[in-house]
């Protein structure tokens, strides 16, 4: 069973000037299969259309089956917080994945400090 999904748009994920959106998501573990399909569908059909979107990774926690880690790579912080979050795409995205959340996701943004070669 694959516990992660990655879509990279022909870029160097972790490039020095990208923003990493890090989202901690909690769902009902009995709905894991449905959520796996929904989150990938939402990322592929909605989020990926947003300005500045560069790629994503979704990981499912082995020790805590209710927990997922979503990482989305953006060109800029504004691409995420303004171009996406203030658009109808965000509403569409939340309509797909929101029903699975057992509590509001915890989201933060990160800049690259270093990486392996």
PDB file of N, CA and C in Angstrom:
ATOM      1  N   UNK A   1       0.833  -1.184   0.000  1.00  0.00           N
ATOM      2  CA  UNK A   1       0.000   0.000   0.000  1.00  0.00           C
ATOM      3  C   UNK A   1       0.877   1.247   0.000  1.00  0.00           C
ATOM      4  N   UNK A   2       0.593   2.174  -0.883  1.00  0.00           N
ATOM      5  CA  UNK A   2       1.358   3.413  -0.954  1.00  0.00           C
ATOM      6  C   UNK A   2       0.774   4.400   0.045  1.00  0.00           C
ATOM      7  N   UNK A   3       1.601   4.976   0.897  1.00  0.00           N
ATOM      8  CA  UNK A   3       1.142   5.909   1.913  1.00  0.00           C
ATOM      9  C   UNK A   3       1.425   7.353   1.557  1.00  0.00           C
ATOM     10  N   UNK A   4       1.879   7.631   0.359  1.00  0.00           N
ATOM     11  CA  UNK A   4       2.118   9.005  -0.023  1.00  0.00           C
ATOM     12  C   UNK A   4       1.883   9.176  -1.512  1.00  0.00           C
ATOM     13  N   UNK A   5       1.640  10.409  -1.888  1.00  0.00           N
ATOM     14  CA  UNK A   5       1.433  10.762  -3.292  1.00  0.00           C
ATOM     15  C   UNK A   5       2.278  11.990  -3.572  1.00  0.00           C
ATOM     16  N   UNK A   6       2.870  12.054  -4.745  1.00  0.00           N
ATOM     17  CA  UNK A   6       3.684  13.203  -5.102  1.00  0.00           C
ATOM     18  C   UNK A   6       3.410  13.581  -6.544  1.00  0.00           C
ATOM     19  N   UNK A   7       3.204  14.849  -6.756  1.00  0.00           N
ATOM     20  CA  UNK A   7       3.116  15.376  -8.108  1.00  0.00           C
ATOM     21  C   UNK A   7       4.024  16.589  -8.170  1.00  0.00           C
ATOM     22  N   UNK A   8       5.004  16.520  -9.016  1.00  0.00           N
ATOM     23  CA  UNK A   8       5.948  17.613  -9.178  1.00  0.00           C
ATOM     24  C   UNK A   8       5.886  18.074 -10.626  1.00  0.00           C
ATOM     25  N   UNK A   9       5.735  19.342 -10.825  1.00  0.00           N
ATOM     26  CA  UNK A   9       5.507  19.900 -12.154  1.00  0.00           C
ATOM     27  C   UNK A   9       6.814  20.235 -12.872  1.00  0.00           C
ATOM     28  N   UNK A  10       7.698  19.261 -13.021  1.00  0.00           N
ATOM     29  CA  UNK A  10       8.942  19.473 -13.754  1.00  0.00           C
ATOM     30  C   UNK A  10       9.829  20.514 -13.102  1.00  0.00           C
ATOM     31  N   UNK A  11       9.811  20.563 -11.784  1.00  0.00           N
ATOM     32  CA  UNK A  11      10.585  21.570 -11.067  1.00  0.00           C
ATOM     33  C   UNK A  11      11.455  20.905 -10.021  1.00  0.00           C
ATOM     34  N   UNK A  12      12.344  21.673  -9.495  1.00  0.00           N
ATOM     35  CA  UNK A  12      13.186  21.233  -8.405  1.00  0.00           C
ATOM     36  C   UNK A  12      12.466  21.570  -7.110  1.00  0.00           C
ATOM     37  N   UNK A  13      11.705  20.604  -6.573  1.00  0.00           N
ATOM     38  CA  UNK A  13      10.993  20.854  -5.318  1.00  0.00           C
ATOM     39  C   UNK A  13      12.038  21.166  -4.260  1.00  0.00           C
ATOM     40  N   UNK A  14      11.774  22.240  -3.562  1.00  0.00           N
ATOM     41  CA  UNK A  14      12.727  22.701  -2.572  1.00  0.00           C
ATOM     42  C   UNK A  14      13.653  23.746  -3.142  1.00  0.00           C
ATOM     43  N   UNK A  15      13.344  24.261  -4.336  1.00  0.00           N
ATOM     44  CA  UNK A  15      14.151  25.349  -4.885  1.00  0.00           C
ATOM     45  C   UNK A  15      14.175  26.490  -3.881  1.00  0.00           C
ATOM     46  N   UNK A  16      15.264  27.217  -3.862  1.00  0.00           N
ATOM     47  CA  UNK A  16      15.509  28.205  -2.820  1.00  0.00           C
ATOM     48  C   UNK A  16      14.429  29.270  -2.687  1.00  0.00           C
ATOM     49  N   UNK A  17      13.736  29.592  -3.751  1.00  0.00           N
ATOM     50  CA  UNK A  17      12.797  30.708  -3.679  1.00  0.00           C
ATOM     51  C   UNK A  17      11.343  30.283  -3.538  1.00  0.00           C
ATOM     52  N   UNK A  18      11.068  29.018  -3.334  1.00  0.00           N
ATOM     53  CA  UNK A  18       9.693  28.542  -3.214  1.00  0.00           C
ATOM     54  C   UNK A  18       9.187  28.635  -1.787  1.00  0.00           C
ATOM     55  N   UNK A  19       7.857  28.649  -1.670  1.00  0.00           N
ATOM     56  CA  UNK A  19       7.184  28.608  -0.375  1.00  0.00           C
ATOM     57  C   UNK A  19       6.571  27.218  -0.218  1.00  0.00           C
ATOM     58  N   UNK A  20       6.767  26.621   0.936  1.00  0.00           N
ATOM     59  CA  UNK A  20       6.169  25.332   1.256  1.00  0.00           C
ATOM     60  C   UNK A  20       5.010  25.577   2.210  1.00  0.00           C
ATOM     61  N   UNK A  21       3.820  25.212   1.770  1.00  0.00           N
ATOM     62  CA  UNK A  21       2.639  25.228   2.635  1.00  0.00           C
ATOM     63  C   UNK A  21       2.569  23.848   3.296  1.00  0.00           C
ATOM     64  N   UNK A  22       2.548  23.826   4.603  1.00  0.00           N
ATOM     65  CA  UNK A  22       2.556  22.599   5.392  1.00  0.00           C
ATOM     66  C   UNK A  22       1.227  22.528   6.130  1.00  0.00           C
ATOM     67  N   UNK A  23       0.430  21.482   5.872  1.00  0.00           N
ATOM     68  CA  UNK A  23      -0.905  21.382   6.460  1.00  0.00           C
ATOM     69  C   UNK A  23      -1.051  20.049   7.185  1.00  0.00           C
ATOM     70  N   UNK A  24      -1.385  20.113   8.455  1.00  0.00           N
ATOM     71  CA  UNK A  24      -1.635  18.934   9.276  1.00  0.00           C
ATOM     72  C   UNK A  24      -3.142  18.705   9.284  1.00  0.00           C
ATOM     73  N   UNK A  25      -3.578  17.564   8.758  1.00  0.00           N
ATOM     74  CA  UNK A  25      -4.999  17.263   8.586  1.00  0.00           C
ATOM     75  C   UNK A  25      -5.377  16.051   9.427  1.00  0.00           C
ATOM     76  N   UNK A  26      -6.536  16.126  10.082  1.00  0.00           N
ATOM     77  CA  UNK A  26      -7.069  15.005  10.856  1.00  0.00           C
ATOM     78  C   UNK A  26      -8.411  14.599  10.242  1.00  0.00           C
ATOM     79  N   UNK A  27      -8.576  13.294  10.013  1.00  0.00           N
ATOM     80  CA  UNK A  27      -9.833  12.769   9.471  1.00  0.00           C
ATOM     81  C   UNK A  27     -10.289  11.581  10.320  1.00  0.00           C
ATOM     82  N   UNK A  28     -11.475  11.089  10.042  1.00  0.00           N
ATOM     83  CA  UNK A  28     -11.952   9.839  10.631  1.00  0.00           C
ATOM     84  C   UNK A  28     -11.227   8.705   9.898  1.00  0.00           C
ATOM     85  N   UNK A  29     -10.399   7.918  10.592  1.00  0.00           N
ATOM     86  CA  UNK A  29      -9.621   6.878   9.912  1.00  0.00           C
ATOM     87  C   UNK A  29     -10.469   5.852   9.156  1.00  0.00           C
ATOM     88  N   UNK A  30     -11.715   5.697   9.522  1.00  0.00           N
ATOM     89  CA  UNK A  30     -12.573   4.743   8.804  1.00  0.00           C
ATOM     90  C   UNK A  30     -12.910   5.239   7.399  1.00  0.00           C
ATOM     91  N   UNK A  31     -12.608   6.498   7.114  1.00  0.00           N
ATOM     92  CA  UNK A  31     -12.875   7.077   5.795  1.00  0.00           C
ATOM     93  C   UNK A  31     -11.598   7.309   4.996  1.00  0.00           C
ATOM     94  N   UNK A  32     -10.531   6.617   5.350  1.00  0.00           N
ATOM     95  CA  UNK A  32      -9.234   6.808   4.714  1.00  0.00           C
ATOM     96  C   UNK A  32      -9.277   6.614   3.204  1.00  0.00           C
ATOM     97  N   UNK A  33      -9.861   5.548   2.725  1.00  0.00           N
ATOM     98  CA  UNK A  33      -9.887   5.281   1.280  1.00  0.00           C
ATOM     99  C   UNK A  33     -10.636   6.385   0.533  1.00  0.00           C
ATOM    100  N   UNK A  34     -11.764   6.810   1.077  1.00  0.00           N
ATOM    101  CA  UNK A  34     -12.526   7.891   0.445  1.00  0.00           C
ATOM    102  C   UNK A  34     -11.734   9.190   0.447  1.00  0.00           C
ATOM    103  N   UNK A  35     -11.089   9.485   1.580  1.00  0.00           N
ATOM    104  CA  UNK A  35     -10.314  10.720   1.676  1.00  0.00           C
ATOM    105  C   UNK A  35      -9.124  10.698   0.727  1.00  0.00           C
ATOM    106  N   UNK A  36      -8.447   9.552   0.629  1.00  0.00           N
ATOM    107  CA  UNK A  36      -7.311   9.454  -0.300  1.00  0.00           C
ATOM    108  C   UNK A  36      -7.732   9.856  -1.710  1.00  0.00           C
ATOM    109  N   UNK A  37      -8.868   9.363  -2.146  1.00  0.00           N
ATOM    110  CA  UNK A  37      -9.368   9.707  -3.482  1.00  0.00           C
ATOM    111  C   UNK A  37      -9.741  11.178  -3.559  1.00  0.00           C
ATOM    112  N   UNK A  38     -10.420  11.683  -2.550  1.00  0.00           N
ATOM    113  CA  UNK A  38     -10.895  13.071  -2.561  1.00  0.00           C
ATOM    114  C   UNK A  38      -9.747  14.073  -2.562  1.00  0.00           C
ATOM    115  N   UNK A  39      -8.735  13.840  -1.740  1.00  0.00           N
ATOM    116  CA  UNK A  39      -7.652  14.830  -1.652  1.00  0.00           C
ATOM    117  C   UNK A  39      -6.855  14.889  -2.954  1.00  0.00           C
ATOM    118  N   UNK A  40      -6.604  13.741  -3.563  1.00  0.00           N
ATOM    119  CA  UNK A  40      -5.884  13.732  -4.834  1.00  0.00           C
ATOM    120  C   UNK A  40      -6.731  14.389  -5.924  1.00  0.00           C
ATOM    121  N   UNK A  41      -8.008  14.068  -5.952  1.00  0.00           N
ATOM    122  CA  UNK A  41      -8.908  14.687  -6.939  1.00  0.00           C
ATOM    123  C   UNK A  41      -8.946  16.202  -6.756  1.00  0.00           C
ATOM    124  N   UNK A  42      -9.054  16.654  -5.519  1.00  0.00           N
ATOM    125  CA  UNK A  42      -9.094  18.087  -5.256  1.00  0.00           C
ATOM    126  C   UNK A  42      -7.811  18.800  -5.639  1.00  0.00           C
ATOM    127  N   UNK A  43      -6.689  18.171  -5.348  1.00  0.00           N
ATOM    128  CA  UNK A  43      -5.395  18.764  -5.714  1.00  0.00           C
ATOM    129  C   UNK A  43      -5.225  18.811  -7.228  1.00  0.00           C
ATOM    130  N   UNK A  44      -5.579  17.721  -7.891  1.00  0.00           N
ATOM    131  CA  UNK A  44      -5.383  17.621  -9.338  1.00  0.00           C
ATOM    132  C   UNK A  44      -6.363  18.476 -10.149  1.00  0.00           C
ATOM    133  N   UNK A  45      -7.598  18.575  -9.691  1.00  0.00           N
ATOM    134  CA  UNK A  45      -8.616  19.256 -10.496  1.00  0.00           C
ATOM    135  C   UNK A  45      -8.874  20.691 -10.065  1.00  0.00           C
ATOM    136  N   UNK A  46      -8.453  21.062  -8.857  1.00  0.00           N
ATOM    137  CA  UNK A  46      -8.754  22.404  -8.352  1.00  0.00           C
ATOM    138  C   UNK A  46      -7.480  23.175  -8.002  1.00  0.00           C
ATOM    139  N   UNK A  47      -6.770  22.712  -6.985  1.00  0.00           N
ATOM    140  CA  UNK A  47      -5.608  23.457  -6.480  1.00  0.00           C
ATOM    141  C   UNK A  47      -4.562  23.661  -7.571  1.00  0.00           C
ATOM    142  N   UNK A  48      -4.343  22.656  -8.386  1.00  0.00           N
ATOM    143  CA  UNK A  48      -3.313  22.723  -9.428  1.00  0.00           C
ATOM    144  C   UNK A  48      -3.585  23.815 -10.466  1.00  0.00           C
ATOM    145  N   UNK A  49      -4.802  24.329 -10.513  1.00  0.00           N
ATOM    146  CA  UNK A  49      -5.147  25.387 -11.467  1.00  0.00           C
ATOM    147  C   UNK A  49      -4.788  26.779 -10.961  1.00  0.00           C
ATOM    148  N   UNK A  50      -4.382  26.882  -9.710  1.00  0.00           N
ATOM    149  CA  UNK A  50      -4.118  28.183  -9.117  1.00  0.00           C
ATOM    150  C   UNK A  50      -2.770  28.751  -9.565  1.00  0.00           C
ATOM    151  N   UNK A  51      -2.726  30.048  -9.699  1.00  0.00           N
ATOM    152  CA  UNK A  51      -1.484  30.755 -10.048  1.00  0.00           C
ATOM    153  C   UNK A  51      -0.412  30.435  -9.011  1.00  0.00           C
ATOM    154  N   UNK A  52       0.774  30.112  -9.481  1.00  0.00           N
ATOM    155  CA  UNK A  52       1.911  29.870  -8.598  1.00  0.00           C
ATOM    156  C   UNK A  52       2.009  28.475  -8.028  1.00  0.00           C
ATOM    157  N   UNK A  53       1.032  27.612  -8.304  1.00  0.00           N
ATOM    158  CA  UNK A  53       1.101  26.227  -7.833  1.00  0.00           C
ATOM    159  C   UNK A  53       2.239  25.516  -8.538  1.00  0.00           C
ATOM    160  N   UNK A  54       3.072  24.785  -7.767  1.00  0.00           N
ATOM    161  CA  UNK A  54       4.222  24.089  -8.344  1.00  0.00           C
ATOM    162  C   UNK A  54       4.198  22.586  -8.137  1.00  0.00           C
ATOM    163  N   UNK A  55       3.476  22.103  -7.154  1.00  0.00           N
ATOM    164  CA  UNK A  55       3.433  20.671  -6.911  1.00  0.00           C
ATOM    165  C   UNK A  55       2.972  20.377  -5.497  1.00  0.00           C
ATOM    166  N   UNK A  56       2.811  19.101  -5.191  1.00  0.00           N
ATOM    167  CA  UNK A  56       2.355  18.728  -3.854  1.00  0.00           C
ATOM    168  C   UNK A  56       2.892  17.364  -3.457  1.00  0.00           C
ATOM    169  N   UNK A  57       2.785  17.105  -2.158  1.00  0.00           N
ATOM    170  CA  UNK A  57       3.018  15.787  -1.574  1.00  0.00           C
ATOM    171  C   UNK A  57       1.949  15.588  -0.518  1.00  0.00           C
ATOM    172  N   UNK A  58       1.422  14.382  -0.451  1.00  0.00           N
ATOM    173  CA  UNK A  58       0.468  14.017   0.600  1.00  0.00           C
ATOM    174  C   UNK A  58       1.024  12.768   1.272  1.00  0.00           C
ATOM    175  N   UNK A  59       1.175  12.827   2.584  1.00  0.00           N
ATOM    176  CA  UNK A  59       1.642  11.677   3.348  1.00  0.00           C
ATOM    177  C   UNK A  59       0.608  11.301   4.394  1.00  0.00           C
ATOM    178  N   UNK A  60       0.450   9.997   4.600  1.00  0.00           N
ATOM    179  CA  UNK A  60      -0.446   9.462   5.618  1.00  0.00           C
ATOM    180  C   UNK A  60       0.418   8.936   6.763  1.00  0.00           C
ATOM    181  N   UNK A  61       0.058   9.284   7.981  1.00  0.00           N
ATOM    182  CA  UNK A  61       0.847   8.893   9.149  1.00  0.00           C
ATOM    183  C   UNK A  61       0.651   7.406   9.472  1.00  0.00           C
ATOM    184  N   UNK A  62       1.740   6.710   9.674  1.00  0.00           N
ATOM    185  CA  UNK A  62       1.701   5.283   9.984  1.00  0.00           C
ATOM    186  C   UNK A  62       1.219   5.057  11.418  1.00  0.00           C
ATOM    187  N   UNK A  63       1.745   5.834  12.355  1.00  0.00           N
ATOM    188  CA  UNK A  63       1.410   5.641  13.766  1.00  0.00           C
ATOM    189  C   UNK A  63       0.039   6.212  14.152  1.00  0.00           C
ATOM    190  N   UNK A  64      -0.393   7.237  13.468  1.00  0.00           N
ATOM    191  CA  UNK A  64      -1.676   7.892  13.778  1.00  0.00           C
ATOM    192  C   UNK A  64      -2.529   7.891  12.517  1.00  0.00           C
ATOM    193  N   UNK A  65      -3.345   6.863  12.305  1.00  0.00           N
ATOM    194  CA  UNK A  65      -4.058   6.703  11.038  1.00  0.00           C
ATOM    195  C   UNK A  65      -5.044   7.823  10.697  1.00  0.00           C
ATOM    196  N   UNK A  66      -5.377   8.665  11.648  1.00  0.00           N
ATOM    197  CA  UNK A  66      -6.287   9.774  11.376  1.00  0.00           C
ATOM    198  C   UNK A  66      -5.548  10.983  10.796  1.00  0.00           C
ATOM    199  N   UNK A  67      -4.230  10.926  10.757  1.00  0.00           N
ATOM    200  CA  UNK A  67      -3.427  12.107  10.446  1.00  0.00           C
ATOM    201  C   UNK A  67      -2.791  12.038   9.060  1.00  0.00           C
ATOM    202  N   UNK A  68      -2.853  13.180   8.366  1.00  0.00           N
ATOM    203  CA  UNK A  68      -2.211  13.366   7.064  1.00  0.00           C
ATOM    204  C   UNK A  68      -1.360  14.620   7.102  1.00  0.00           C
ATOM    205  N   UNK A  69      -0.328  14.610   6.296  1.00  0.00           N
ATOM    206  CA  UNK A  69       0.501  15.790   6.112  1.00  0.00           C
ATOM    207  C   UNK A  69       0.441  16.159   4.632  1.00  0.00           C
ATOM    208  N   UNK A  70      -0.066  17.346   4.344  1.00  0.00           N
ATOM    209  CA  UNK A  70      -0.147  17.864   2.980  1.00  0.00           C
ATOM    210  C   UNK A  70       0.887  18.955   2.827  1.00  0.00           C
ATOM    211  N   UNK A  71       1.705  18.844   1.796  1.00  0.00           N
ATOM    212  CA  UNK A  71       2.705  19.869   1.482  1.00  0.00           C
ATOM    213  C   UNK A  71       2.458  20.351   0.068  1.00  0.00           C
ATOM    214  N   UNK A  72       2.230  21.644  -0.067  1.00  0.00           N
ATOM    215  CA  UNK A  72       2.015  22.239  -1.385  1.00  0.00           C
ATOM    216  C   UNK A  72       3.102  23.271  -1.613  1.00  0.00           C
ATOM    217  N   UNK A  73       3.686  23.216  -2.794  1.00  0.00           N
ATOM    218  CA  UNK A  73       4.762  24.136  -3.160  1.00  0.00           C
ATOM    219  C   UNK A  73       4.199  25.254  -4.024  1.00  0.00           C
ATOM    220  N   UNK A  74       4.511  26.484  -3.637  1.00  0.00           N
ATOM    221  CA  UNK A  74       4.023  27.691  -4.316  1.00  0.00           C
ATOM    222  C   UNK A  74       5.211  28.558  -4.724  1.00  0.00           C
ATOM    223  N   UNK A  75       5.022  29.328  -5.789  1.00  0.00           N
ATOM    224  CA  UNK A  75       6.060  30.286  -6.176  1.00  0.00           C
ATOM    225  C   UNK A  75       6.242  31.352  -5.102  1.00  0.00           C
ATOM    226  N   UNK A  76       5.127  31.867  -4.572  1.00  0.00           N
ATOM    227  CA  UNK A  76       5.185  32.927  -3.560  1.00  0.00           C
ATOM    228  C   UNK A  76       4.124  32.697  -2.494  1.00  0.00           C
ATOM    229  N   UNK A  77       4.281  33.340  -1.361  1.00  0.00           N
ATOM    230  CA  UNK A  77       3.280  33.300  -0.308  1.00  0.00           C
ATOM    231  C   UNK A  77       1.971  33.915  -0.804  1.00  0.00           C
ATOM    232  N   UNK A  78       2.052  34.987  -1.564  1.00  0.00           N
ATOM    233  CA  UNK A  78       0.870  35.647  -2.111  1.00  0.00           C
ATOM    234  C   UNK A  78       0.082  34.708  -3.035  1.00  0.00           C
ATOM    235  N   UNK A  79       0.785  33.856  -3.786  1.00  0.00           N
ATOM    236  CA  UNK A  79       0.079  32.896  -4.642  1.00  0.00           C
ATOM    237  C   UNK A  79      -0.866  32.022  -3.821  1.00  0.00           C
ATOM    238  N   UNK A  80      -0.416  31.621  -2.644  1.00  0.00           N
ATOM    239  CA  UNK A  80      -1.284  30.799  -1.813  1.00  0.00           C
ATOM    240  C   UNK A  80      -2.343  31.627  -1.098  1.00  0.00           C
ATOM    241  N   UNK A  81      -1.915  32.650  -0.365  1.00  0.00           N
ATOM    242  CA  UNK A  81      -2.813  33.382   0.522  1.00  0.00           C
ATOM    243  C   UNK A  81      -3.791  34.309  -0.201  1.00  0.00           C
ATOM    244  N   UNK A  82      -3.423  34.805  -1.378  1.00  0.00           N
ATOM    245  CA  UNK A  82      -4.298  35.721  -2.113  1.00  0.00           C
ATOM    246  C   UNK A  82      -4.871  35.038  -3.353  1.00  0.00           C
ATOM    247  N   UNK A  83      -3.993  34.627  -4.258  1.00  0.00           N
ATOM    248  CA  UNK A  83      -4.458  34.071  -5.532  1.00  0.00           C
ATOM    249  C   UNK A  83      -5.313  32.822  -5.354  1.00  0.00           C
ATOM    250  N   UNK A  84      -4.957  31.968  -4.404  1.00  0.00           N
ATOM    251  CA  UNK A  84      -5.740  30.752  -4.178  1.00  0.00           C
ATOM    252  C   UNK A  84      -6.803  30.951  -3.104  1.00  0.00           C
ATOM    253  N   UNK A  85      -6.390  31.347  -1.904  1.00  0.00           N
ATOM    254  CA  UNK A  85      -7.328  31.403  -0.769  1.00  0.00           C
ATOM    255  C   UNK A  85      -8.473  32.392  -0.971  1.00  0.00           C
ATOM    256  N   UNK A  86      -8.246  33.427  -1.747  1.00  0.00           N
ATOM    257  CA  UNK A  86      -9.293  34.430  -1.968  1.00  0.00           C
ATOM    258  C   UNK A  86     -10.041  34.205  -3.283  1.00  0.00           C
ATOM    259  N   UNK A  87      -9.910  33.003  -3.841  1.00  0.00           N
ATOM    260  CA  UNK A  87     -10.577  32.697  -5.110  1.00  0.00           C
ATOM    261  C   UNK A  87     -11.654  31.637  -4.909  1.00  0.00           C
ATOM    262  N   UNK A  88     -12.451  31.438  -5.936  1.00  0.00           N
ATOM    263  CA  UNK A  88     -13.473  30.390  -5.886  1.00  0.00           C
ATOM    264  C   UNK A  88     -12.835  28.996  -5.863  1.00  0.00           C
ATOM    265  N   UNK A  89     -11.576  28.894  -6.287  1.00  0.00           N
ATOM    266  CA  UNK A  89     -10.889  27.604  -6.231  1.00  0.00           C
ATOM    267  C   UNK A  89     -10.808  27.081  -4.796  1.00  0.00           C
ATOM    268  N   UNK A  90     -10.570  27.981  -3.846  1.00  0.00           N
ATOM    269  CA  UNK A  90     -10.477  27.556  -2.445  1.00  0.00           C
ATOM    270  C   UNK A  90     -11.812  26.984  -1.971  1.00  0.00           C
ATOM    271  N   UNK A  91     -12.904  27.643  -2.338  1.00  0.00           N
ATOM    272  CA  UNK A  91     -14.234  27.149  -1.976  1.00  0.00           C
ATOM    273  C   UNK A  91     -14.476  25.773  -2.591  1.00  0.00           C
ATOM    274  N   UNK A  92     -14.093  25.606  -3.852  1.00  0.00           N
ATOM    275  CA  UNK A  92     -14.245  24.312  -4.525  1.00  0.00           C
ATOM    276  C   UNK A  92     -13.407  23.236  -3.843  1.00  0.00           C
ATOM    277  N   UNK A  93     -12.171  23.571  -3.486  1.00  0.00           N
ATOM    278  CA  UNK A  93     -11.253  22.649  -2.799  1.00  0.00           C
ATOM    279  C   UNK A  93     -11.850  22.195  -1.473  1.00  0.00           C
ATOM    280  N   UNK A  94     -12.324  23.148  -0.686  1.00  0.00           N
ATOM    281  CA  UNK A  94     -12.879  22.815   0.624  1.00  0.00           C
ATOM    282  C   UNK A  94     -14.155  21.994   0.501  1.00  0.00           C
ATOM    283  N   UNK A  95     -14.928  22.186  -0.565  1.00  0.00           N
ATOM    284  CA  UNK A  95     -16.136  21.387  -0.767  1.00  0.00           C
ATOM    285  C   UNK A  95     -15.777  19.918  -0.981  1.00  0.00           C
ATOM    286  N   UNK A  96     -14.624  19.658  -1.573  1.00  0.00           N
ATOM    287  CA  UNK A  96     -14.182  18.286  -1.838  1.00  0.00           C
ATOM    288  C   UNK A  96     -13.590  17.624  -0.598  1.00  0.00           C
ATOM    289  N   UNK A  97     -12.695  18.321   0.101  1.00  0.00           N
ATOM    290  CA  UNK A  97     -11.981  17.692   1.223  1.00  0.00           C
ATOM    291  C   UNK A  97     -12.530  18.042   2.600  1.00  0.00           C
ATOM    292  N   UNK A  98     -13.170  19.186   2.718  1.00  0.00           N
ATOM    293  CA  UNK A  98     -13.644  19.665   4.015  1.00  0.00           C
ATOM    294  C   UNK A  98     -14.546  18.704   4.777  1.00  0.00           C
ATOM    295  N   UNK A  99     -15.452  18.006   4.102  1.00  0.00           N
ATOM    296  CA  UNK A  99     -16.341  17.097   4.840  1.00  0.00           C
ATOM    297  C   UNK A  99     -15.608  15.985   5.601  1.00  0.00           C
ATOM    298  N   UNK A 100     -14.369  15.722   5.262  1.00  0.00           N
ATOM    299  CA  UNK A 100     -13.612  14.658   5.931  1.00  0.00           C
ATOM    300  C   UNK A 100     -12.879  15.135   7.181  1.00  0.00           C
ATOM    301  N   UNK A 101     -12.695  16.436   7.340  1.00  0.00           N
ATOM    302  CA  UNK A 101     -11.926  16.964   8.465  1.00  0.00           C
ATOM    303  C   UNK A 101     -12.669  16.753   9.774  1.00  0.00           C
ATOM    304  N   UNK A 102     -11.959  16.244  10.787  1.00  0.00           N
ATOM    305  CA  UNK A 102     -12.554  16.110  12.112  1.00  0.00           C
ATOM    306  C   UNK A 102     -12.266  17.336  12.971  1.00  0.00           C
ATOM    307  N   UNK A 103     -11.333  18.154  12.540  1.00  0.00           N
ATOM    308  CA  UNK A 103     -11.051  19.444  13.168  1.00  0.00           C
ATOM    309  C   UNK A 103     -10.382  20.317  12.114  1.00  0.00           C
ATOM    310  N   UNK A 104     -10.363  21.631  12.325  1.00  0.00           N
ATOM    311  CA  UNK A 104      -9.737  22.497  11.320  1.00  0.00           C
ATOM    312  C   UNK A 104      -8.265  22.127  11.109  1.00  0.00           C
ATOM    313  N   UNK A 105      -7.824  22.065   9.864  1.00  0.00           N
ATOM    314  CA  UNK A 105      -6.406  21.773   9.596  1.00  0.00           C
ATOM    315  C   UNK A 105      -5.506  22.870  10.164  1.00  0.00           C
ATOM    316  N   UNK A 106      -4.295  22.469  10.546  1.00  0.00           N
ATOM    317  CA  UNK A 106      -3.293  23.428  11.024  1.00  0.00           C
ATOM    318  C   UNK A 106      -2.327  23.684   9.876  1.00  0.00           C
ATOM    319  N   UNK A 107      -2.200  24.960   9.461  1.00  0.00           N
ATOM    320  CA  UNK A 107      -1.409  25.311   8.282  1.00  0.00           C
ATOM    321  C   UNK A 107      -0.345  26.342   8.638  1.00  0.00           C
ATOM    322  N   UNK A 108       0.858  26.144   8.064  1.00  0.00           N
ATOM    323  CA  UNK A 108       1.967  27.096   8.202  1.00  0.00           C
ATOM    324  C   UNK A 108       2.721  27.146   6.874  1.00  0.00           C
ATOM    325  N   UNK A 109       3.535  28.192   6.708  1.00  0.00           N
ATOM    326  CA  UNK A 109       4.372  28.343   5.512  1.00  0.00           C
ATOM    327  C   UNK A 109       5.845  28.305   5.905  1.00  0.00           C
ATOM    328  N   UNK A 110       6.651  27.718   5.024  1.00  0.00           N
ATOM    329  CA  UNK A 110       8.067  27.566   5.296  1.00  0.00           C
ATOM    330  C   UNK A 110       8.909  28.017   4.093  1.00  0.00           C
ATOM    331  N   UNK A 111      10.093  28.526   4.419  1.00  0.00           N
ATOM    332  CA  UNK A 111      11.110  28.827   3.411  1.00  0.00           C
ATOM    333  C   UNK A 111      12.257  27.855   3.594  1.00  0.00           C
ATOM    334  N   UNK A 112      12.913  27.495   2.519  1.00  0.00           N
ATOM    335  CA  UNK A 112      14.012  26.535   2.569  1.00  0.00           C
ATOM    336  C   UNK A 112      15.243  27.130   3.242  1.00  0.00           C
ATOM    337  N   UNK A 113      15.822  26.360   4.149  1.00  0.00           N
ATOM    338  CA  UNK A 113      17.070  26.743   4.801  1.00  0.00           C
ATOM    339  C   UNK A 113      18.215  25.911   4.222  1.00  0.00           C
ATOM    340  N   UNK A 114      17.985  24.637   3.971  1.00  0.00           N
ATOM    341  CA  UNK A 114      19.010  23.751   3.435  1.00  0.00           C
ATOM    342  C   UNK A 114      18.353  22.470   2.955  1.00  0.00           C
ATOM    343  N   UNK A 115      19.090  21.689   2.157  1.00  0.00           N
ATOM    344  CA  UNK A 115      18.571  20.425   1.651  1.00  0.00           C
ATOM    345  C   UNK A 115      19.733  19.513   1.282  1.00  0.00           C
ATOM    346  N   UNK A 116      19.446  18.225   1.193  1.00  0.00           N
ATOM    347  CA  UNK A 116      20.477  17.265   0.789  1.00  0.00           C
ATOM    348  C   UNK A 116      20.698  17.371  -0.713  1.00  0.00           C
ATOM    349  N   UNK A 117      21.840  16.870  -1.157  1.00  0.00           N
ATOM    350  CA  UNK A 117      22.134  16.921  -2.602  1.00  0.00           C
ATOM    351  C   UNK A 117      21.900  15.573  -3.233  1.00  0.00           C
TER     352      UNK A 117
END
